[in-house]
C-alpha atoms as a PDB file:
ATOM      1  CA  MET A   1      12.556  -1.216  24.097  1.00  0.00           C
ATOM      2  CA  SER A   2      11.491  -5.036  24.759  1.00  0.00           C
ATOM      3  CA  SER A   3       8.082  -5.208  22.613  1.00  0.00           C
ATOM      4  CA  ALA A   4       6.581  -4.426  19.104  1.00  0.00           C
ATOM      5  CA  VAL A   5       4.420  -5.352  16.574  1.00  0.00           C
ATOM      6  CA  LEU A   6       4.622  -7.344  13.716  1.00  0.00           C
ATOM      7  CA  LEU A   7       1.957  -7.131  10.713  1.00  0.00           C
ATOM      8  CA  MET A   8       2.118 -10.143   8.302  1.00  0.00           C
ATOM      9  CA  ALA A   9       1.509  -9.560   4.737  1.00  0.00           C
ATOM     10  CA  TYR A  10       1.392 -12.059   1.376  1.00  0.00           C
ATOM     11  CA  GLY A  11       3.789  -9.515  -0.430  1.00  0.00           C
ATOM     12  CA  THR A  12       4.581  -7.988  -4.048  1.00  0.00           C
ATOM     13  CA  PRO A  13       6.723  -7.994  -6.866  1.00  0.00           C
ATOM     14  CA  ALA A  14       8.567  -4.559  -6.102  1.00  0.00           C
ATOM     15  CA  THR A  15       8.661  -4.094 -10.249  1.00  0.00           C
ATOM     16  CA  LEU A  16       8.104  -6.134 -13.328  1.00  0.00           C
ATOM     17  CA  ASP A  17      11.399  -7.352 -13.259  1.00  0.00           C
ATOM     18  CA  ASP A  18      10.917  -8.779  -9.594  1.00  0.00           C
ATOM     19  CA  VAL A  19       8.421 -10.634 -10.844  1.00  0.00           C
ATOM     20  CA  PRO A  20      10.197 -14.078 -11.318  1.00  0.00           C
ATOM     21  CA  ALA A  21      11.843 -14.272  -8.359  1.00  0.00           C
ATOM     22  CA  TYR A  22       8.456 -13.727  -6.624  1.00  0.00           C
ATOM     23  CA  PHE A  23       6.779 -16.060  -8.683  1.00  0.00           C
ATOM     24  CA  ALA A  24       9.521 -18.564  -7.801  1.00  0.00           C
ATOM     25  CA  HIS A  25       9.072 -18.262  -4.398  1.00  0.00           C
ATOM     26  CA  ILE A  26       5.511 -18.687  -3.914  1.00  0.00           C
ATOM     27  CA  ARG A  27       6.073 -22.209  -5.984  1.00  0.00           C
ATOM     28  CA  GLY A  28       9.044 -22.668  -3.291  1.00  0.00           C
ATOM     29  CA  GLY A  29      11.712 -22.178  -5.747  1.00  0.00           C
ATOM     30  CA  ARG A  30      10.189 -24.879  -7.920  1.00  0.00           C
ATOM     31  CA  GLN A  31      10.566 -23.876 -11.944  1.00  0.00           C
ATOM     32  CA  VAL A  32       7.544 -21.650 -13.023  1.00  0.00           C
ATOM     33  CA  ARG A  33       7.043 -21.684 -16.934  1.00  0.00           C
ATOM     34  CA  PRO A  34       8.093 -18.369 -18.818  1.00  0.00           C
ATOM     35  CA  GLU A  35       4.251 -18.279 -19.983  1.00  0.00           C
ATOM     36  CA  ALA A  36       2.983 -18.526 -16.456  1.00  0.00           C
ATOM     37  CA  VAL A  37       5.394 -15.431 -15.576  1.00  0.00           C
ATOM     38  CA  GLU A  38       4.457 -12.662 -18.790  1.00  0.00           C
ATOM     39  CA  GLU A  39       0.469 -13.643 -17.460  1.00  0.00           C
ATOM     40  CA  LEU A  40       1.449 -12.673 -14.485  1.00  0.00           C
ATOM     41  CA  ARG A  41       3.562  -9.617 -15.430  1.00  0.00           C
ATOM     42  CA  GLU A  42       0.242  -9.038 -17.681  1.00  0.00           C
ATOM     43  CA  ARG A  43      -2.137  -8.851 -14.654  1.00  0.00           C
ATOM     44  CA  TYR A  44       0.439  -6.280 -13.137  1.00  0.00           C
ATOM     45  CA  ARG A  45       0.721  -3.587 -15.894  1.00  0.00           C
ATOM     46  CA  ARG A  46      -2.743  -3.807 -16.142  1.00  0.00           C
ATOM     47  CA  ILE A  47      -2.904  -2.389 -12.919  1.00  0.00           C
ATOM     48  CA  GLY A  48      -0.658   0.220 -13.326  1.00  0.00           C
ATOM     49  CA  GLY A  49       2.808  -1.648 -13.338  1.00  0.00           C
ATOM     50  CA  THR A  50       2.673  -2.683  -9.465  1.00  0.00           C
ATOM     51  CA  SER A  51       0.423  -3.663  -6.636  1.00  0.00           C
ATOM     52  CA  PRO A  52      -0.167  -0.629  -3.637  1.00  0.00           C
ATOM     53  CA  LEU A  53       0.306  -3.658  -1.434  1.00  0.00           C
ATOM     54  CA  ARG A  54       3.716  -3.001   0.521  1.00  0.00           C
ATOM     55  CA  GLU A  55       2.894   0.862   0.905  1.00  0.00           C
ATOM     56  CA  VAL A  56      -0.881   0.061   1.988  1.00  0.00           C
ATOM     57  CA  THR A  57       0.729  -2.206   4.577  1.00  0.00           C
ATOM     58  CA  GLU A  58       3.124   0.556   5.637  1.00  0.00           C
ATOM     59  CA  ALA A  59       0.642   2.768   5.700  1.00  0.00           C
ATOM     60  CA  GLN A  60      -1.012  -0.142   7.932  1.00  0.00           C
ATOM     61  CA  ALA A  61       1.755  -0.313  10.496  1.00  0.00           C
ATOM     62  CA  ALA A  62       2.188   3.799  10.861  1.00  0.00           C
ATOM     63  CA  GLY A  63      -1.314   4.038  11.316  1.00  0.00           C
ATOM     64  CA  VAL A  64      -1.116   1.134  14.529  1.00  0.00           C
ATOM     65  CA  ALA A  65       1.859   2.871  16.155  1.00  0.00           C
ATOM     66  CA  ARG A  66       0.242   5.802  15.700  1.00  0.00           C
ATOM     67  CA  VAL A  67      -2.952   4.618  17.418  1.00  0.00           C
ATOM     68  CA  LEU A  68      -0.635   2.583  19.648  1.00  0.00           C
ATOM     69  CA  ARG A  69       1.072   5.503  20.786  1.00  0.00           C
ATOM     70  CA  GLU A  70      -1.603   8.013  21.183  1.00  0.00           C
ATOM     71  CA  ARG A  71      -3.370   5.348  23.822  1.00  0.00           C
ATOM     72  CA  GLY A  72      -0.132   5.247  25.841  1.00  0.00           C
ATOM     73  CA  SER A  73       1.607   2.057  24.443  1.00  0.00           C
ATOM     74  CA  ALA A  74       4.792   3.182  21.626  1.00  0.00           C
ATOM     75  CA  VAL A  75       5.885   0.189  20.481  1.00  0.00           C
ATOM     76  CA  PRO A  76       7.270  -0.194  16.862  1.00  0.00           C
ATOM     77  CA  VAL A  77       4.975  -1.692  14.532  1.00  0.00           C
ATOM     78  CA  ALA A  78       7.170  -4.135  11.767  1.00  0.00           C
ATOM     79  CA  VAL A  79       5.995  -5.335   8.475  1.00  0.00           C
ATOM     80  CA  GLY A  80       6.913  -8.634   7.038  1.00  0.00           C
ATOM     81  CA  MET A  81       5.712 -10.241   4.072  1.00  0.00           C
ATOM     82  CA  LYS A  82       5.424 -13.878   3.251  1.00  0.00           C
ATOM     83  CA  HIS A  83       7.270 -14.003  -0.381  1.00  0.00           C
ATOM     84  CA  ALA A  84       8.817 -10.529  -1.189  1.00  0.00           C
ATOM     85  CA  PRO A  85      10.980  -8.057   1.063  1.00  0.00           C
ATOM     86  CA  PRO A  86      11.067  -7.364   3.629  1.00  0.00           C
ATOM     87  CA  PHE A  87      10.651 -10.863   4.547  1.00  0.00           C
ATOM     88  CA  ILE A  88       9.085 -12.030   7.811  1.00  0.00           C
ATOM     89  CA  GLY A  89      11.960 -13.633   9.268  1.00  0.00           C
ATOM     90  CA  ASP A  90      14.206 -10.721   8.475  1.00  0.00           C
ATOM     91  CA  ALA A  91      11.763  -8.555  10.236  1.00  0.00           C
ATOM     92  CA  VAL A  92      11.897 -10.911  13.622  1.00  0.00           C
ATOM     93  CA  SER A  93      15.849 -10.149  13.254  1.00  0.00           C
ATOM     94  CA  ASP A  94      15.556  -6.491  12.614  1.00  0.00           C
ATOM     95  CA  LEU A  95      13.431  -6.208  15.923  1.00  0.00           C
ATOM     96  CA  ALA A  96      15.644  -8.585  17.637  1.00  0.00           C
ATOM     97  CA  ARG A  97      18.704  -6.707  16.691  1.00  0.00           C
ATOM     98  CA  ALA A  98      16.872  -3.712  17.635  1.00  0.00           C
ATOM     99  CA  GLY A  99      16.127  -4.460  21.202  1.00  0.00           C
ATOM    100  CA  VAL A 100      12.331  -5.984  21.296  1.00  0.00           C
ATOM    101  CA  ARG A 101      12.052  -9.159  23.209  1.00  0.00           C
ATOM    102  CA  ARG A 102       8.483  -9.544  22.717  1.00  0.00           C
ATOM    103  CA  ILE A 103       6.581 -10.123  19.966  1.00  0.00           C
ATOM    104  CA  ALA A 104       2.953  -9.564  18.925  1.00  0.00           C
ATOM    105  CA  ALA A 105       2.344 -10.743  15.540  1.00  0.00           C
ATOM    106  CA  LEU A 106      -0.772 -10.162  13.322  1.00  0.00           C
ATOM    107  CA  ALA A 107      -1.363 -11.872   9.863  1.00  0.00           C
ATOM    108  CA  LEU A 108      -3.454  -8.870   7.674  1.00  0.00           C
ATOM    109  CA  ALA A 109      -5.763 -11.652   6.468  1.00  0.00           C
ATOM    110  CA  PRO A 110      -8.732 -12.452   9.010  1.00  0.00           C
ATOM    111  CA  HIS A 111      -9.493 -15.954   8.073  1.00  0.00           C
ATOM    112  CA  TYR A 112      -7.225 -18.643   9.265  1.00  0.00           C
ATOM    113  CA  SER A 113      -6.421 -21.993   6.717  1.00  0.00           C
ATOM    114  CA  LYS A 114      -3.657 -24.621   7.326  1.00  0.00           C
ATOM    115  CA  VAL A 115      -2.402 -24.276   4.165  1.00  0.00           C
ATOM    116  CA  SER A 116      -2.574 -20.131   4.073  1.00  0.00           C
ATOM    117  CA  ILE A 117      -2.568 -18.410   7.164  1.00  0.00           C
ATOM    118  CA  ALA A 118      -0.457 -20.706   9.268  1.00  0.00           C
ATOM    119  CA  SER A 119       2.762 -20.900   7.647  1.00  0.00           C
ATOM    120  CA  TYR A 120       2.392 -17.194   8.323  1.00  0.00           C
ATOM    121  CA  PHE A 121       2.720 -17.562  11.890  1.00  0.00           C
ATOM    122  CA  SER A 122       5.351 -20.592  11.556  1.00  0.00           C
ATOM    123  CA  THR A 123       7.666 -18.710   9.444  1.00  0.00           C
ATOM    124  CA  ALA A 124       7.491 -15.938  12.649  1.00  0.00           C
ATOM    125  CA  ALA A 125       7.889 -18.627  15.429  1.00  0.00           C
ATOM    126  CA  GLU A 126      10.918 -19.961  13.887  1.00  0.00           C
ATOM    127  CA  ALA A 127      13.012 -17.084  13.390  1.00  0.00           C
ATOM    128  CA  ALA A 128      11.594 -15.487  16.980  1.00  0.00           C
ATOM    129  CA  ALA A 129      12.700 -19.029  18.270  1.00  0.00           C
ATOM    130  CA  SER A 130      16.118 -18.581  17.028  1.00  0.00           C
ATOM    131  CA  LEU A 131      16.718 -15.477  18.315  1.00  0.00           C
ATOM    132  CA  GLY A 132      14.995 -16.084  21.783  1.00  0.00           C
ATOM    133  CA  LEU A 133      11.930 -14.380  21.181  1.00  0.00           C
ATOM    134  CA  SER A 134       8.779 -14.112  22.660  1.00  0.00           C
ATOM    135  CA  LEU A 135       6.108 -14.336  20.310  1.00  0.00           C
ATOM    136  CA  ARG A 136       2.289 -14.549  20.687  1.00  0.00           C
ATOM    137  CA  THR A 137      -0.449 -14.714  17.647  1.00  0.00           C
ATOM    138  CA  ARG A 138      -3.611 -14.327  17.126  1.00  0.00           C
ATOM    139  CA  GLU A 139      -5.033 -16.493  14.563  1.00  0.00           C
ATOM    140  CA  SER A 140      -8.407 -16.000  13.475  1.00  0.00           C
ATOM    141  CA  TRP A 141     -10.404 -12.217  14.237  1.00  0.00           C
ATOM    142  CA  HIS A 142     -13.150 -13.103  10.795  1.00  0.00           C
ATOM    143  CA  ASP A 143     -16.029 -11.500  13.489  1.00  0.00           C
ATOM    144  CA  HIS A 144     -14.267  -9.078  15.359  1.00  0.00           C
ATOM    145  CA  PRO A 145     -16.962  -6.549  16.027  1.00  0.00           C
ATOM    146  CA  GLY A 146     -15.320  -3.447  14.543  1.00  0.00           C
ATOM    147  CA  PHE A 147     -14.029  -5.586  11.011  1.00  0.00           C
ATOM    148  CA  ILE A 148     -17.638  -6.464  10.944  1.00  0.00           C
ATOM    149  CA  ALA A 149     -18.526  -2.598  10.928  1.00  0.00           C
ATOM    150  CA  GLY A 150     -15.962  -1.733   8.724  1.00  0.00           C
ATOM    151  CA  LEU A 151     -17.157  -3.794   6.352  1.00  0.00           C
ATOM    152  CA  ALA A 152     -21.145  -2.827   6.873  1.00  0.00           C
ATOM    153  CA  VAL A 153     -19.719   1.055   6.484  1.00  0.00           C
ATOM    154  CA  ARG A 154     -18.496   0.480   3.687  1.00  0.00           C
ATOM    155  CA  VAL A 155     -21.454  -1.999   2.031  1.00  0.00           C
ATOM    156  CA  ARG A 156     -23.987   0.854   2.773  1.00  0.00           C
ATOM    157  CA  ALA A 157     -21.964   3.668   1.385  1.00  0.00           C
ATOM    158  CA  ALA A 158     -21.900   1.668  -1.863  1.00  0.00           C
ATOM    159  CA  LEU A 159     -25.273   0.578  -2.250  1.00  0.00           C
ATOM    160  CA  ARG A 160     -26.036   4.163  -2.156  1.00  0.00           C
ATOM    161  CA  GLY A 161     -24.174   4.605  -5.667  1.00  0.00           C
ATOM    162  CA  ALA A 162     -26.451   2.551  -6.854  1.00  0.00           C
ATOM    163  CA  SER A 163     -29.367   3.182  -9.422  1.00  0.00           C
ATOM    164  CA  ASP A 164     -31.634   0.747  -7.316  1.00  0.00           C
ATOM    165  CA  PRO A 165     -30.263  -0.180  -4.044  1.00  0.00           C
ATOM    166  CA  GLY A 166     -33.329  -2.555  -3.079  1.00  0.00           C
ATOM    167  CA  ASN A 167     -32.716  -4.993  -6.295  1.00  0.00           C
ATOM    168  CA  VAL A 168     -28.866  -5.223  -5.842  1.00  0.00           C
ATOM    169  CA  GLU A 169     -27.202  -8.661  -5.062  1.00  0.00           C
ATOM    170  CA  THR A 170     -24.027  -8.423  -2.668  1.00  0.00           C
ATOM    171  CA  ILE A 171     -21.166 -11.083  -3.048  1.00  0.00           C
ATOM    172  CA  PHE A 172     -18.790 -11.732  -0.567  1.00  0.00           C
ATOM    173  CA  THR A 173     -15.323 -12.830  -2.040  1.00  0.00           C
ATOM    174  CA  ALA A 174     -12.255 -13.953  -0.561  1.00  0.00           C
ATOM    175  CA  HIS A 175      -9.260 -16.121  -2.563  1.00  0.00           C
ATOM    176  CA  SER A 176     -10.192 -19.626  -3.380  1.00  0.00           C
ATOM    177  CA  LEU A 177      -8.115 -22.506  -1.882  1.00  0.00           C
ATOM    178  CA  PRO A 178      -7.831 -26.288  -2.510  1.00  0.00           C
ATOM    179  CA  GLU A 179     -10.788 -28.197  -1.497  1.00  0.00           C
ATOM    180  CA  ARG A 180      -8.796 -31.342  -0.068  1.00  0.00           C
ATOM    181  CA  ILE A 181      -8.896 -28.059   3.197  1.00  0.00           C
ATOM    182  CA  LEU A 182     -12.699 -29.660   4.084  1.00  0.00           C
ATOM    183  CA  SER A 183     -11.603 -33.378   4.575  1.00  0.00           C
ATOM    184  CA  TRP A 184      -9.012 -32.050   7.657  1.00  0.00           C
ATOM    185  CA  GLY A 185     -12.089 -29.290   8.823  1.00  0.00           C
ATOM    186  CA  ASP A 186     -10.540 -26.445   8.092  1.00  0.00           C
ATOM    187  CA  PRO A 187     -11.944 -23.322   9.901  1.00  0.00           C
ATOM    188  CA  TYR A 188     -11.374 -20.986   6.563  1.00  0.00           C
ATOM    189  CA  PRO A 189     -15.112 -21.426   4.090  1.00  0.00           C
ATOM    190  CA  ASP A 190     -17.248 -21.430   7.644  1.00  0.00           C
ATOM    191  CA  GLN A 191     -15.143 -18.138   8.725  1.00  0.00           C
ATOM    192  CA  LEU A 192     -16.240 -16.492   5.197  1.00  0.00           C
ATOM    193  CA  LEU A 193     -19.745 -17.244   5.895  1.00  0.00           C
ATOM    194  CA  GLN A 194     -19.740 -16.098   9.523  1.00  0.00           C
ATOM    195  CA  THR A 195     -18.304 -13.241   8.508  1.00  0.00           C
ATOM    196  CA  SER A 196     -20.482 -12.437   5.618  1.00  0.00           C
ATOM    197  CA  ALA A 197     -23.586 -13.512   7.530  1.00  0.00           C
ATOM    198  CA  LEU A 198     -22.181 -10.415  10.303  1.00  0.00           C
ATOM    199  CA  VAL A 199     -21.956  -7.688   7.963  1.00  0.00           C
ATOM    200  CA  ALA A 200     -25.085  -8.810   5.714  1.00  0.00           C
ATOM    201  CA  ALA A 201     -27.003  -8.538   8.976  1.00  0.00           C
ATOM    202  CA  SER A 202     -25.444  -5.190   9.918  1.00  0.00           C
ATOM    203  CA  ALA A 203     -26.045  -3.261   6.237  1.00  0.00           C
ATOM    204  CA  GLY A 204     -29.381  -4.522   6.381  1.00  0.00           C
ATOM    205  CA  LEU A 205     -28.771  -7.492   3.258  1.00  0.00           C
ATOM    206  CA  SER A 206     -31.489  -9.324   2.368  1.00  0.00           C
ATOM    207  CA  ARG A 207     -29.566 -10.690  -1.441  1.00  0.00           C
ATOM    208  CA  TRP A 208     -26.122 -11.816  -0.763  1.00  0.00           C
ATOM    209  CA  ARG A 209     -24.195 -14.802  -1.284  1.00  0.00           C
ATOM    210  CA  LEU A 210     -20.590 -16.466  -0.620  1.00  0.00           C
ATOM    211  CA  ALA A 211     -18.276 -16.658  -3.615  1.00  0.00           C
ATOM    212  CA  PHE A 212     -14.591 -17.312  -4.595  1.00  0.00           C
ATOM    213  CA  GLN A 213     -11.751 -15.719  -6.837  1.00  0.00           C
ATOM    214  CA  SER A 214      -8.326 -15.818  -7.602  1.00  0.00           C
ATOM    215  CA  ALA A 215      -8.019 -19.821  -7.816  1.00  0.00           C
ATOM    216  CA  SER A 216      -4.463 -21.112  -8.596  1.00  0.00           C
ATOM    217  CA  HIS A 217      -3.955 -23.642 -11.930  1.00  0.00           C
ATOM    218  CA  THR A 218      -2.776 -26.402  -9.673  1.00  0.00           C
ATOM    219  CA  GLY A 219      -4.712 -29.608 -11.375  1.00  0.00           C
ATOM    220  CA  GLU A 220      -6.896 -30.113  -8.397  1.00  0.00           C
ATOM    221  CA  PRO A 221     -10.591 -28.822  -7.274  1.00  0.00           C
ATOM    222  CA  TRP A 222     -10.534 -25.210  -5.538  1.00  0.00           C
ATOM    223  CA  LEU A 223     -13.042 -23.779  -3.779  1.00  0.00           C
ATOM    224  CA  GLY A 224     -16.430 -22.336  -5.418  1.00  0.00           C
ATOM    225  CA  PRO A 225     -18.645 -21.368  -6.527  1.00  0.00           C
ATOM    226  CA  HIS A 226     -16.230 -18.809  -8.496  1.00  0.00           C
ATOM    227  CA  LEU A 227     -17.100 -15.287  -8.833  1.00  0.00           C
ATOM    228  CA  LEU A 228     -16.911 -15.176 -12.804  1.00  0.00           C
ATOM    229  CA  ASP A 229     -19.335 -18.187 -12.252  1.00  0.00           C
ATOM    230  CA  VAL A 230     -21.966 -16.386 -10.161  1.00  0.00           C
ATOM    231  CA  LEU A 231     -22.024 -13.174 -12.210  1.00  0.00           C
ATOM    232  CA  ARG A 232     -23.081 -15.214 -15.060  1.00  0.00           C
ATOM    233  CA  GLU A 233     -25.320 -17.191 -13.137  1.00  0.00           C
ATOM    234  CA  ARG A 234     -27.102 -13.593 -11.464  1.00  0.00           C
ATOM    235  CA  ALA A 235     -26.683 -12.219 -14.898  1.00  0.00           C
ATOM    236  CA  GLY A 236     -28.654 -14.711 -16.173  1.00  0.00           C
ATOM    237  CA  GLY A 237     -31.379 -14.499 -13.622  1.00  0.00           C
ATOM    238  CA  GLY A 238     -31.922 -10.918 -14.567  1.00  0.00           C
ATOM    239  CA  ALA A 239     -29.607  -8.889 -12.085  1.00  0.00           C
ATOM    240  CA  ARG A 240     -28.477  -6.050 -13.763  1.00  0.00           C
ATOM    241  CA  GLU A 241     -26.786  -4.130 -10.967  1.00  0.00           C
ATOM    242  CA  ILE A 242     -24.149  -6.650  -8.267  1.00  0.00           C
ATOM    243  CA  LEU A 243     -22.351  -5.238  -5.497  1.00  0.00           C
ATOM    244  CA  VAL A 244     -18.851  -7.131  -5.139  1.00  0.00           C
ATOM    245  CA  CYS A 245     -17.697  -7.007  -1.203  1.00  0.00           C
ATOM    246  CA  PRO A 246     -13.510  -8.845  -0.566  1.00  0.00           C
ATOM    247  CA  VAL A 247     -14.109  -9.858   2.838  1.00  0.00           C
ATOM    248  CA  GLY A 248     -11.108 -11.706   2.817  1.00  0.00           C
ATOM    249  CA  PHE A 249      -8.612  -8.956   1.890  1.00  0.00           C
ATOM    250  CA  VAL A 250      -8.017  -5.504   3.785  1.00  0.00           C
ATOM    251  CA  ALA A 251      -5.783  -3.990   1.045  1.00  0.00           C
ATOM    252  CA  ASP A 252      -5.699  -3.131  -2.442  1.00  0.00           C
ATOM    253  CA  HIS A 253      -3.389  -5.314  -4.229  1.00  0.00           C
ATOM    254  CA  LEU A 254      -3.811  -8.119  -7.565  1.00  0.00           C
ATOM    255  CA  GLU A 255      -6.324 -10.420  -5.952  1.00  0.00           C
ATOM    256  CA  VAL A 256      -8.838  -7.380  -5.923  1.00  0.00           C
ATOM    257  CA  LEU A 257      -7.330  -4.819  -8.621  1.00  0.00           C
ATOM    258  CA  PHE A 258      -6.789  -7.664 -11.614  1.00  0.00           C
ATOM    259  CA  ASP A 259      -9.187 -10.067 -10.043  1.00  0.00           C
ATOM    260  CA  ILE A 260     -12.660  -7.696  -9.288  1.00  0.00           C
ATOM    261  CA  ASP A 261     -11.498  -4.263 -10.957  1.00  0.00           C
ATOM    262  CA  VAL A 262     -10.657  -5.625 -14.713  1.00  0.00           C
ATOM    263  CA  GLU A 263     -11.172  -9.324 -14.962  1.00  0.00           C
ATOM    264  CA  ALA A 264     -14.636  -9.595 -13.308  1.00  0.00           C
ATOM    265  CA  ARG A 265     -15.764  -6.088 -14.140  1.00  0.00           C
ATOM    266  CA  ASP A 266     -15.281  -6.981 -17.734  1.00  0.00           C
ATOM    267  CA  LEU A 267     -17.305 -10.075 -17.756  1.00  0.00           C
ATOM    268  CA  ALA A 268     -19.507  -7.662 -16.038  1.00  0.00           C
ATOM    269  CA  GLN A 269     -20.113  -5.363 -18.918  1.00  0.00           C
ATOM    270  CA  GLU A 270     -20.098  -8.180 -21.439  1.00  0.00           C
ATOM    271  CA  LEU A 271     -23.250  -9.421 -20.076  1.00  0.00           C
ATOM    272  CA  GLY A 272     -24.981  -6.399 -19.130  1.00  0.00           C
ATOM    273  CA  VAL A 273     -24.446  -5.879 -15.653  1.00  0.00           C
ATOM    274  CA  ARG A 274     -23.589  -2.831 -14.012  1.00  0.00           C
ATOM    275  CA  LEU A 275     -20.551  -4.008 -11.383  1.00  0.00           C
ATOM    276  CA  MET A 276     -19.351  -2.299  -8.218  1.00  0.00           C
ATOM    277  CA  ARG A 277     -17.184  -3.191  -5.769  1.00  0.00           C
ATOM    278  CA  THR A 278     -16.629  -1.547  -2.175  1.00  0.00           C
ATOM    279  CA  PRO A 279     -12.835  -0.064  -1.452  1.00  0.00           C
ATOM    280  CA  SER A 280     -10.657  -2.013   0.701  1.00  0.00           C
ATOM    281  CA  LEU A 281     -10.277  -1.461   4.522  1.00  0.00           C
ATOM    282  CA  ASN A 282      -6.252  -0.333   3.688  1.00  0.00           C
ATOM    283  CA  ASP A 283      -5.590   2.123   6.250  1.00  0.00           C
ATOM    284  CA  GLY A 284      -9.337   3.768   7.069  1.00  0.00           C
ATOM    285  CA  ALA A 285      -9.161   4.967  10.681  1.00  0.00           C
ATOM    286  CA  ASP A 286     -11.704   2.242  11.958  1.00  0.00           C
ATOM    287  CA  PHE A 287      -9.518  -0.333  10.303  1.00  0.00           C
ATOM    288  CA  LEU A 288      -6.270   1.050  12.446  1.00  0.00           C
ATOM    289  CA  ALA A 289      -8.371   0.871  15.312  1.00  0.00           C
ATOM    290  CA  VAL A 290      -9.203  -2.842  15.062  1.00  0.00           C
ATOM    291  CA  LEU A 291      -5.287  -3.645  14.352  1.00  0.00           C
ATOM    292  CA  ALA A 292      -4.444  -2.000  17.624  1.00  0.00           C
ATOM    293  CA  ALA A 293      -6.767  -2.786  19.700  1.00  0.00           C
ATOM    294  CA  LEU A 294      -5.775  -7.158  18.493  1.00  0.00           C
ATOM    295  CA  ALA A 295      -2.515  -5.885  18.879  1.00  0.00           C
ATOM    296  CA  SER A 296      -3.475  -4.390  22.397  1.00  0.00           C
ATOM    297  CA  GLU A 297      -4.256  -7.814  23.415  1.00  0.00           C
ATOM    298  CA  LEU A 298      -1.746  -9.636  22.494  1.00  0.00           C
ATOM    299  CA  LEU A 299       0.430  -7.160  24.047  1.00  0.00           C
ATOM    300  CA  ASP A 300      -1.387  -7.314  27.311  1.00  0.00           C
ATOM    301  CA  GLY A 301      -0.671 -11.143  27.314  1.00  0.00           C
ATOM    302  CA  ARG A 302      -4.587 -11.638  26.408  1.00  0.00           C
ATOM    303  CA  GLY A 303      -5.674 -13.511  23.602  1.00  0.00           C
ATOM    304  CA  GLU A 304      -3.747 -16.453  21.536  1.00  0.00           C
ATOM    305  CA  ALA A 305      -0.210 -17.700  23.011  1.00  0.00           C
END
């Protein structure tokens, strides 16, 4: 065994008792106010106590391994998380102990930013270098044809459940980031717009826009407009059915299951709006094919170094 694939995701606490350690890791070890910890716990309670992110990511890894094997490339596919076990560095170490010398690493986030996705790769690169391993990565895949097609299929399917599909307004969403990224030309906002435009064109949408969600309370401006503000605006403009397509996320987790399915839906109900959401890509066969294709390019020495 000389090669392997590493899929990297954000991470999630396994239980409510793990929330403080998880939150502290996100904050770089800085102390977190007890009220903030309890607020996060309550969000997990509202979605059933835990997020399915780890299980979904492991299912994605198993699916990618299966697709690669069917294509004649039997390599292990490991999971590494940024803020919770199994951590990225530990996953790299485990692969090294198993005899792997070359790793193709993909972040399970299509859009690149220096303040988010870059840290996935730097963590993996540091661990690989310390063990003498070769690491190949691909920073973004926001315009991959299979990714766009998968989202468009889900948009069209969701619209078929609307009472008046022609009058549904579609809002594409992604995790907000601090506005300071604009000062250094970070590609994140432009990549999100490109993805949204491509999906809208493929799905035949004429009424759509990009909004942001899940901004943290850090005391600095974050990218907008915020999803909740857009919901208020569109409801005031007469919209009665709105479809949310979270293009920045590829799995069910807190930002989808709470921020959209609970928080945004509660607001929509208050506003007299029916809020729909496209299902997440998760371990759908079409999405597994995309991840396997990206991994194959890196394993074959194509793509980015």
